C-alpha atoms as a PDB file:
ATOM      1  CA  UNK A   1       0.000   0.000   0.000  1.00  0.00           C
ATOM      2  CA  UNK A   2       1.624   3.255  -1.134  1.00  0.00           C
ATOM      3  CA  UNK A   3       0.607   6.871  -1.537  1.00  0.00           C
ATOM      4  CA  UNK A   4       1.970  10.022  -3.109  1.00  0.00           C
ATOM      5  CA  UNK A   5       3.020  12.944  -0.942  1.00  0.00           C
ATOM      6  CA  UNK A   6       1.572  16.438  -1.160  1.00  0.00           C
ATOM      7  CA  UNK A   7       1.834  19.582   0.946  1.00  0.00           C
ATOM      8  CA  UNK A   8       3.215  23.084   1.182  1.00  0.00           C
ATOM      9  CA  UNK A   9       6.883  22.089   0.851  1.00  0.00           C
ATOM     10  CA  UNK A  10       6.416  21.006  -2.725  1.00  0.00           C
ATOM     11  CA  UNK A  11      10.105  20.961  -3.557  1.00  0.00           C
ATOM     12  CA  UNK A  12      10.756  18.163  -1.057  1.00  0.00           C
ATOM     13  CA  UNK A  13       7.402  16.461  -0.555  1.00  0.00           C
ATOM     14  CA  UNK A  14       5.570  16.618  -3.885  1.00  0.00           C
ATOM     15  CA  UNK A  15       6.448  13.576  -5.941  1.00  0.00           C
ATOM     16  CA  UNK A  16       7.502  11.511  -2.944  1.00  0.00           C
ATOM     17  CA  UNK A  17       6.095   8.026  -2.380  1.00  0.00           C
ATOM     18  CA  UNK A  18       5.666   6.361   1.009  1.00  0.00           C
ATOM     19  CA  UNK A  19       4.764   2.790   1.956  1.00  0.00           C
ATOM     20  CA  UNK A  20       1.944   3.285   4.456  1.00  0.00           C
ATOM     21  CA  UNK A  21       0.569  -0.225   4.871  1.00  0.00           C
ATOM     22  CA  UNK A  22       1.446  -3.866   4.248  1.00  0.00           C
ATOM     23  CA  UNK A  23      -0.297  -7.237   4.327  1.00  0.00           C
ATOM     24  CA  UNK A  24       0.595 -10.732   3.214  1.00  0.00           C
ATOM     25  CA  UNK A  25       0.326 -14.454   3.777  1.00  0.00           C
ATOM     26  CA  UNK A  26       3.128 -16.919   3.360  1.00  0.00           C
ATOM     27  CA  UNK A  27       3.885 -20.582   4.041  1.00  0.00           C
ATOM     28  CA  UNK A  28       4.205 -20.828   7.809  1.00  0.00           C
ATOM     29  CA  UNK A  29       3.125 -17.225   8.355  1.00  0.00           C
ATOM     30  CA  UNK A  30      -0.400 -15.804   8.390  1.00  0.00           C
ATOM     31  CA  UNK A  31       0.777 -12.191   8.343  1.00  0.00           C
ATOM     32  CA  UNK A  32       3.780  -9.921   7.782  1.00  0.00           C
ATOM     33  CA  UNK A  33       4.823  -9.880  11.448  1.00  0.00           C
ATOM     34  CA  UNK A  34       4.932 -13.665  11.708  1.00  0.00           C
ATOM     35  CA  UNK A  35       6.801 -13.871   8.408  1.00  0.00           C
ATOM     36  CA  UNK A  36       9.461 -11.491   9.736  1.00  0.00           C
ATOM     37  CA  UNK A  37       9.781 -13.461  12.975  1.00  0.00           C
ATOM     38  CA  UNK A  38      10.264 -16.645  10.947  1.00  0.00           C
ATOM     39  CA  UNK A  39      12.995 -15.008   8.895  1.00  0.00           C
ATOM     40  CA  UNK A  40      14.803 -13.753  12.005  1.00  0.00           C
ATOM     41  CA  UNK A  41      14.558 -17.167  13.667  1.00  0.00           C
ATOM     42  CA  UNK A  42      15.610 -19.101  10.562  1.00  0.00           C
ATOM     43  CA  UNK A  43      12.352 -21.053  10.480  1.00  0.00           C
ATOM     44  CA  UNK A  44      12.008 -23.369   7.486  1.00  0.00           C
ATOM     45  CA  UNK A  45       8.468 -23.370   6.142  1.00  0.00           C
ATOM     46  CA  UNK A  46       8.759 -26.256   3.696  1.00  0.00           C
ATOM     47  CA  UNK A  47       6.270 -29.090   4.307  1.00  0.00           C
ATOM     48  CA  UNK A  48       7.442 -32.650   3.698  1.00  0.00           C
ATOM     49  CA  UNK A  49       4.884 -35.301   2.784  1.00  0.00           C
ATOM     50  CA  UNK A  50       4.393 -38.997   3.232  1.00  0.00           C
ATOM     51  CA  UNK A  51       3.121 -41.004   0.270  1.00  0.00           C
ATOM     52  CA  UNK A  52      -0.333 -41.053   1.853  1.00  0.00           C
ATOM     53  CA  UNK A  53      -0.439 -37.245   2.058  1.00  0.00           C
ATOM     54  CA  UNK A  54       0.520 -36.604  -1.559  1.00  0.00           C
ATOM     55  CA  UNK A  55      -2.341 -35.394  -3.768  1.00  0.00           C
ATOM     56  CA  UNK A  56      -0.460 -35.340  -7.073  1.00  0.00           C
ATOM     57  CA  UNK A  57      -0.857 -37.818  -9.926  1.00  0.00           C
ATOM     58  CA  UNK A  58       2.721 -38.978 -10.195  1.00  0.00           C
ATOM     59  CA  UNK A  59       3.068 -42.719 -10.637  1.00  0.00           C
ATOM     60  CA  UNK A  60       4.469 -44.984  -7.945  1.00  0.00           C
ATOM     61  CA  UNK A  61       7.553 -45.402 -10.104  1.00  0.00           C
ATOM     62  CA  UNK A  62       8.063 -41.634 -10.283  1.00  0.00           C
ATOM     63  CA  UNK A  63       7.575 -41.211  -6.536  1.00  0.00           C
ATOM     64  CA  UNK A  64      10.152 -43.900  -5.789  1.00  0.00           C
ATOM     65  CA  UNK A  65      12.736 -42.358  -8.101  1.00  0.00           C
ATOM     66  CA  UNK A  66      15.868 -40.892  -6.513  1.00  0.00           C
ATOM     67  CA  UNK A  67      15.162 -37.422  -7.950  1.00  0.00           C
ATOM     68  CA  UNK A  68      11.584 -37.186  -6.662  1.00  0.00           C
ATOM     69  CA  UNK A  69      11.214 -34.713  -3.765  1.00  0.00           C
ATOM     70  CA  UNK A  70       8.134 -35.046  -1.562  1.00  0.00           C
ATOM     71  CA  UNK A  71       8.073 -31.478  -0.304  1.00  0.00           C
ATOM     72  CA  UNK A  72       6.537 -28.091  -1.043  1.00  0.00           C
ATOM     73  CA  UNK A  73       5.598 -24.875   0.802  1.00  0.00           C
ATOM     74  CA  UNK A  74       1.931 -24.895   1.819  1.00  0.00           C
ATOM     75  CA  UNK A  75      -0.300 -21.904   2.374  1.00  0.00           C
ATOM     76  CA  UNK A  76      -2.736 -22.706   5.158  1.00  0.00           C
ATOM     77  CA  UNK A  77      -6.481 -22.022   5.186  1.00  0.00           C
ATOM     78  CA  UNK A  78      -6.795 -21.415   1.449  1.00  0.00           C
ATOM     79  CA  UNK A  79     -10.264 -22.943   1.690  1.00  0.00           C
ATOM     80  CA  UNK A  80     -11.386 -20.361   4.256  1.00  0.00           C
ATOM     81  CA  UNK A  81     -13.107 -17.213   2.953  1.00  0.00           C
ATOM     82  CA  UNK A  82     -15.736 -14.845   4.363  1.00  0.00           C
ATOM     83  CA  UNK A  83     -17.876 -14.621   1.247  1.00  0.00           C
ATOM     84  CA  UNK A  84     -20.648 -12.678   2.986  1.00  0.00           C
ATOM     85  CA  UNK A  85     -18.216  -9.946   4.078  1.00  0.00           C
ATOM     86  CA  UNK A  86     -17.344  -9.284   0.425  1.00  0.00           C
ATOM     87  CA  UNK A  87     -20.909  -9.608  -0.812  1.00  0.00           C
ATOM     88  CA  UNK A  88     -20.435 -12.921  -2.602  1.00  0.00           C
ATOM     89  CA  UNK A  89     -22.788 -15.883  -2.841  1.00  0.00           C
ATOM     90  CA  UNK A  90     -21.482 -19.228  -1.614  1.00  0.00           C
ATOM     91  CA  UNK A  91     -21.451 -20.748  -5.109  1.00  0.00           C
ATOM     92  CA  UNK A  92     -19.748 -17.649  -6.522  1.00  0.00           C
ATOM     93  CA  UNK A  93     -17.006 -17.973  -3.911  1.00  0.00           C
ATOM     94  CA  UNK A  94     -16.659 -21.688  -4.613  1.00  0.00           C
ATOM     95  CA  UNK A  95     -15.990 -20.990  -8.292  1.00  0.00           C
ATOM     96  CA  UNK A  96     -13.547 -18.181  -7.523  1.00  0.00           C
ATOM     97  CA  UNK A  97      -9.848 -19.031  -7.547  1.00  0.00           C
ATOM     98  CA  UNK A  98      -8.384 -18.885  -4.002  1.00  0.00           C
ATOM     99  CA  UNK A  99      -5.755 -16.583  -5.473  1.00  0.00           C
ATOM    100  CA  UNK A 100      -8.509 -14.031  -6.136  1.00  0.00           C
ATOM    101  CA  UNK A 101     -10.116 -14.618  -2.757  1.00  0.00           C
ATOM    102  CA  UNK A 102      -6.911 -14.252  -0.772  1.00  0.00           C
ATOM    103  CA  UNK A 103      -5.702 -11.249  -2.752  1.00  0.00           C
ATOM    104  CA  UNK A 104      -9.047  -9.588  -2.054  1.00  0.00           C
ATOM    105  CA  UNK A 105      -8.625 -10.269   1.665  1.00  0.00           C
ATOM    106  CA  UNK A 106      -5.062  -8.987   1.852  1.00  0.00           C
ATOM    107  CA  UNK A 107      -6.004  -5.896  -0.156  1.00  0.00           C
ATOM    108  CA  UNK A 108      -8.553  -5.097   2.534  1.00  0.00           C
ATOM    109  CA  UNK A 109      -5.986  -5.892   5.228  1.00  0.00           C
ATOM    110  CA  UNK A 110      -3.392  -3.598   3.598  1.00  0.00           C
ATOM    111  CA  UNK A 111      -5.857  -0.703   3.567  1.00  0.00           C
ATOM    112  CA  UNK A 112      -6.783  -1.468   7.171  1.00  0.00           C
ATOM    113  CA  UNK A 113      -3.090  -1.627   8.124  1.00  0.00           C
ATOM    114  CA  UNK A 114      -2.587   1.765   6.485  1.00  0.00           C
ATOM    115  CA  UNK A 115      -5.464   3.183   8.486  1.00  0.00           C
ATOM    116  CA  UNK A 116      -7.700   4.025   5.530  1.00  0.00           C
ATOM    117  CA  UNK A 117     -11.320   3.179   4.865  1.00  0.00           C
ATOM    118  CA  UNK A 118     -11.727   3.196   1.072  1.00  0.00           C
ATOM    119  CA  UNK A 119     -15.266   4.536   1.501  1.00  0.00           C
ATOM    120  CA  UNK A 120     -13.903   7.707   3.100  1.00  0.00           C
ATOM    121  CA  UNK A 121     -10.901   8.301   0.810  1.00  0.00           C
ATOM    122  CA  UNK A 122     -11.526  11.240  -1.495  1.00  0.00           C
ATOM    123  CA  UNK A 123      -8.955  10.469  -4.193  1.00  0.00           C
ATOM    124  CA  UNK A 124      -8.605   7.434  -6.476  1.00  0.00           C
ATOM    125  CA  UNK A 125      -6.943   4.234  -5.255  1.00  0.00           C
ATOM    126  CA  UNK A 126      -5.286   2.045  -7.893  1.00  0.00           C
ATOM    127  CA  UNK A 127      -4.650  -1.711  -7.893  1.00  0.00           C
ATOM    128  CA  UNK A 128      -1.672  -3.350  -9.622  1.00  0.00           C
ATOM    129  CA  UNK A 129      -1.061  -7.097  -9.299  1.00  0.00           C
ATOM    130  CA  UNK A 130      -0.596 -10.449 -10.981  1.00  0.00           C
ATOM    131  CA  UNK A 131      -1.152 -14.121 -10.251  1.00  0.00           C
ATOM    132  CA  UNK A 132      -0.131 -17.624 -11.286  1.00  0.00           C
ATOM    133  CA  UNK A 133      -2.016 -19.741 -13.807  1.00  0.00           C
ATOM    134  CA  UNK A 134      -5.463 -20.878 -12.645  1.00  0.00           C
ATOM    135  CA  UNK A 135      -4.652 -24.405 -11.484  1.00  0.00           C
ATOM    136  CA  UNK A 136      -7.620 -24.307  -9.078  1.00  0.00           C
ATOM    137  CA  UNK A 137      -9.938 -24.010 -12.069  1.00  0.00           C
ATOM    138  CA  UNK A 138      -8.210 -26.863 -13.868  1.00  0.00           C
ATOM    139  CA  UNK A 139      -7.891 -29.153 -10.841  1.00  0.00           C
ATOM    140  CA  UNK A 140     -11.033 -28.385  -8.827  1.00  0.00           C
ATOM    141  CA  UNK A 141     -13.684 -26.777 -11.039  1.00  0.00           C
ATOM    142  CA  UNK A 142     -13.063 -28.758 -14.244  1.00  0.00           C
ATOM    143  CA  UNK A 143     -13.417 -32.096 -12.531  1.00  0.00           C
ATOM    144  CA  UNK A 144     -15.695 -33.486 -15.237  1.00  0.00           C
ATOM    145  CA  UNK A 145     -15.460 -33.372 -19.016  1.00  0.00           C
ATOM    146  CA  UNK A 146     -19.027 -32.055 -19.072  1.00  0.00           C
ATOM    147  CA  UNK A 147     -17.977 -28.950 -17.114  1.00  0.00           C
ATOM    148  CA  UNK A 148     -15.132 -28.221 -19.537  1.00  0.00           C
ATOM    149  CA  UNK A 149     -17.443 -28.604 -22.531  1.00  0.00           C
ATOM    150  CA  UNK A 150     -20.050 -26.337 -20.940  1.00  0.00           C
ATOM    151  CA  UNK A 151     -17.446 -23.659 -20.202  1.00  0.00           C
ATOM    152  CA  UNK A 152     -15.813 -23.743 -23.637  1.00  0.00           C
ATOM    153  CA  UNK A 153     -19.180 -23.769 -25.416  1.00  0.00           C
ATOM    154  CA  UNK A 154     -20.336 -20.713 -23.450  1.00  0.00           C
ATOM    155  CA  UNK A 155     -16.984 -18.921 -23.386  1.00  0.00           C
ATOM    156  CA  UNK A 156     -17.238 -15.101 -23.252  1.00  0.00           C
ATOM    157  CA  UNK A 157     -21.041 -14.996 -23.418  1.00  0.00           C
ATOM    158  CA  UNK A 158     -22.022 -17.432 -20.657  1.00  0.00           C
ATOM    159  CA  UNK A 159     -20.923 -19.234 -17.482  1.00  0.00           C
ATOM    160  CA  UNK A 160     -19.990 -15.858 -16.033  1.00  0.00           C
ATOM    161  CA  UNK A 161     -19.408 -16.971 -12.415  1.00  0.00           C
ATOM    162  CA  UNK A 162     -16.964 -19.585 -13.693  1.00  0.00           C
ATOM    163  CA  UNK A 163     -15.330 -17.154 -16.122  1.00  0.00           C
ATOM    164  CA  UNK A 164     -14.931 -14.360 -13.581  1.00  0.00           C
ATOM    165  CA  UNK A 165     -13.763 -16.785 -10.911  1.00  0.00           C
ATOM    166  CA  UNK A 166     -11.014 -18.295 -13.047  1.00  0.00           C
ATOM    167  CA  UNK A 167      -9.875 -15.442 -15.287  1.00  0.00           C
ATOM    168  CA  UNK A 168      -6.466 -13.944 -14.578  1.00  0.00           C
ATOM    169  CA  UNK A 169      -7.709 -10.643 -16.033  1.00  0.00           C
ATOM    170  CA  UNK A 170     -10.132 -10.083 -13.164  1.00  0.00           C
ATOM    171  CA  UNK A 171      -7.707 -10.255 -10.236  1.00  0.00           C
ATOM    172  CA  UNK A 172      -7.420  -6.486  -9.741  1.00  0.00           C
ATOM    173  CA  UNK A 173     -10.763  -5.417 -11.168  1.00  0.00           C
ATOM    174  CA  UNK A 174     -12.504  -7.650  -8.621  1.00  0.00           C
ATOM    175  CA  UNK A 175     -10.676  -5.801  -5.819  1.00  0.00           C
ATOM    176  CA  UNK A 176     -11.559  -2.418  -7.310  1.00  0.00           C
ATOM    177  CA  UNK A 177     -15.205  -3.415  -7.676  1.00  0.00           C
ATOM    178  CA  UNK A 178     -15.638  -5.066  -4.284  1.00  0.00           C
ATOM    179  CA  UNK A 179     -13.824  -2.307  -2.368  1.00  0.00           C
ATOM    180  CA  UNK A 180     -15.257   0.481  -4.566  1.00  0.00           C
ATOM    181  CA  UNK A 181     -11.857   1.833  -5.563  1.00  0.00           C
ATOM    182  CA  UNK A 182     -11.812   4.478  -8.301  1.00  0.00           C
ATOM    183  CA  UNK A 183      -8.190   4.366  -9.500  1.00  0.00           C
ATOM    184  CA  UNK A 184      -6.507   2.364 -12.287  1.00  0.00           C
ATOM    185  CA  UNK A 185      -6.959  -1.399 -12.060  1.00  0.00           C
ATOM    186  CA  UNK A 186      -4.182  -3.214 -13.869  1.00  0.00           C
ATOM    187  CA  UNK A 187      -3.579  -6.974 -13.901  1.00  0.00           C
ATOM    188  CA  UNK A 188      -0.134  -7.837 -15.254  1.00  0.00           C
ATOM    189  CA  UNK A 189       2.048 -10.907 -15.727  1.00  0.00           C
ATOM    190  CA  UNK A 190       5.823 -11.109 -16.139  1.00  0.00           C
ATOM    191  CA  UNK A 191       6.476 -14.510 -14.551  1.00  0.00           C
ATOM    192  CA  UNK A 192       8.890 -14.306 -11.601  1.00  0.00           C
ATOM    193  CA  UNK A 193       9.074 -10.497 -11.645  1.00  0.00           C
ATOM    194  CA  UNK A 194       5.307  -9.923 -11.549  1.00  0.00           C
ATOM    195  CA  UNK A 195       5.095  -8.467  -8.023  1.00  0.00           C
ATOM    196  CA  UNK A 196       8.141  -6.260  -8.578  1.00  0.00           C
ATOM    197  CA  UNK A 197       6.650  -4.906 -11.793  1.00  0.00           C
ATOM    198  CA  UNK A 198       3.344  -4.321 -10.006  1.00  0.00           C
ATOM    199  CA  UNK A 199       5.126  -2.132  -7.445  1.00  0.00           C
ATOM    200  CA  UNK A 200       6.974  -0.267 -10.217  1.00  0.00           C
ATOM    201  CA  UNK A 201       3.735   0.358 -12.133  1.00  0.00           C
ATOM    202  CA  UNK A 202       1.987   1.509  -8.961  1.00  0.00           C
ATOM    203  CA  UNK A 203       4.803   3.961  -8.245  1.00  0.00           C
ATOM    204  CA  UNK A 204       4.625   5.308 -11.791  1.00  0.00           C
ATOM    205  CA  UNK A 205       0.850   5.723 -11.514  1.00  0.00           C
ATOM    206  CA  UNK A 206       1.318   7.745  -8.331  1.00  0.00           C
ATOM    207  CA  UNK A 207       4.013   9.933  -9.884  1.00  0.00           C
ATOM    208  CA  UNK A 208       1.758  10.611 -12.881  1.00  0.00           C
ATOM    209  CA  UNK A 209      -1.142  11.539 -10.536  1.00  0.00           C
ATOM    210  CA  UNK A 210      -3.331   8.765 -11.913  1.00  0.00           C
ATOM    211  CA  UNK A 211      -3.992   7.699  -8.317  1.00  0.00           C
ATOM    212  CA  UNK A 212      -3.494   9.095  -4.835  1.00  0.00           C
ATOM    213  CA  UNK A 213      -2.909   5.662  -3.320  1.00  0.00           C
ATOM    214  CA  UNK A 214      -2.179   2.254  -4.808  1.00  0.00           C
ATOM    215  CA  UNK A 215      -2.289  -1.401  -3.830  1.00  0.00           C
ATOM    216  CA  UNK A 216       0.505  -3.442  -5.418  1.00  0.00           C
ATOM    217  CA  UNK A 217       1.571  -7.076  -5.144  1.00  0.00           C
ATOM    218  CA  UNK A 218       0.983 -10.579  -6.374  1.00  0.00           C
ATOM    219  CA  UNK A 219      -0.368 -13.975  -5.459  1.00  0.00           C
ATOM    220  CA  UNK A 220       0.732 -17.486  -6.340  1.00  0.00           C
ATOM    221  CA  UNK A 221      -1.101 -20.537  -5.013  1.00  0.00           C
ATOM    222  CA  UNK A 222      -1.163 -23.680  -7.114  1.00  0.00           C
ATOM    223  CA  UNK A 223      -3.196 -26.844  -6.732  1.00  0.00           C
ATOM    224  CA  UNK A 224      -3.021 -29.503  -5.567  1.00  0.00           C
ATOM    225  CA  UNK A 225      -0.816 -28.026  -2.882  1.00  0.00           C
ATOM    226  CA  UNK A 226       0.359 -31.335  -1.476  1.00  0.00           C
ATOM    227  CA  UNK A 227       2.491 -32.533  -4.353  1.00  0.00           C
ATOM    228  CA  UNK A 228       6.094 -33.434  -4.971  1.00  0.00           C
ATOM    229  CA  UNK A 229       8.356 -32.608  -7.863  1.00  0.00           C
ATOM    230  CA  UNK A 230      11.085 -34.134  -9.979  1.00  0.00           C
ATOM    231  CA  UNK A 231      14.483 -32.567  -9.402  1.00  0.00           C
ATOM    232  CA  UNK A 232      16.625 -31.964 -12.481  1.00  0.00           C
ATOM    233  CA  UNK A 233      20.300 -31.109 -12.179  1.00  0.00           C
ATOM    234  CA  UNK A 234      20.752 -27.453 -13.057  1.00  0.00           C
ATOM    235  CA  UNK A 235      17.007 -26.787 -12.774  1.00  0.00           C
ATOM    236  CA  UNK A 236      15.253 -24.172 -10.670  1.00  0.00           C
ATOM    237  CA  UNK A 237      14.328 -26.482  -7.764  1.00  0.00           C
ATOM    238  CA  UNK A 238      16.714 -28.155  -5.376  1.00  0.00           C
ATOM    239  CA  UNK A 239      17.376 -31.807  -4.650  1.00  0.00           C
ATOM    240  CA  UNK A 240      16.203 -31.493  -1.036  1.00  0.00           C
ATOM    241  CA  UNK A 241      13.604 -28.659  -1.167  1.00  0.00           C
ATOM    242  CA  UNK A 242      15.789 -26.551   1.113  1.00  0.00           C
ATOM    243  CA  UNK A 243      17.825 -24.345  -1.185  1.00  0.00           C
ATOM    244  CA  UNK A 244      15.823 -24.246  -4.377  1.00  0.00           C
ATOM    245  CA  UNK A 245      13.026 -22.102  -5.663  1.00  0.00           C
ATOM    246  CA  UNK A 246       9.588 -23.216  -4.489  1.00  0.00           C
ATOM    247  CA  UNK A 247       6.804 -20.684  -4.698  1.00  0.00           C
ATOM    248  CA  UNK A 248       3.559 -20.509  -2.795  1.00  0.00           C
ATOM    249  CA  UNK A 249       2.859 -17.079  -1.404  1.00  0.00           C
ATOM    250  CA  UNK A 250       0.534 -14.120  -1.356  1.00  0.00           C
ATOM    251  CA  UNK A 251       1.560 -10.588  -0.574  1.00  0.00           C
END
């Protein structure tokens, strides 16, 4: 959560940007404060699974291979969402990607942390963010061939709850609509640098006076969460899940 400075001392204040609020959820940490404590204490938040806990579709042969790692960071309570608070029907929430649901919650939390009620803010508030591919839609919603055929047959002109719940394009516009924000709403995607670009775009929007405040960040939660992976020498993930790149976060 950032805002642009204004005041009488325009030569030093005008054009300045301040971070006035933060919110996030991470593996092993339900908020920013807990995440910082984990970092200071060297807490490892990688979850290791037994064969019985794994929810992936790897074969028994794959799971028994020497390069198969039964570990991944898990974001807790991704199935928990106060749909009524955000004016959503139960079925609408069920069809909505948890990435959208959690980003909506942390957007509210960031505004709350900053001490601002969007209903009382005079100027426009922008939203800049990105997300991972909609694996929830593929893994949970499209459980039957009939559902896939219905969605593809109706694409763009029907099945709106499913379309809005799964579409990457609606991550930020949902926040703007639900929280009644009047600034730019920009969903972007640049792979690993998505959140960084979101912050850069938010800062630029503030400097150009397109918004007085801006929410910026990203979310990445993939399903099924409890799954292993195949380590490849020289690849992006490690052989023991400790030193490699495993993503599952929202902030």
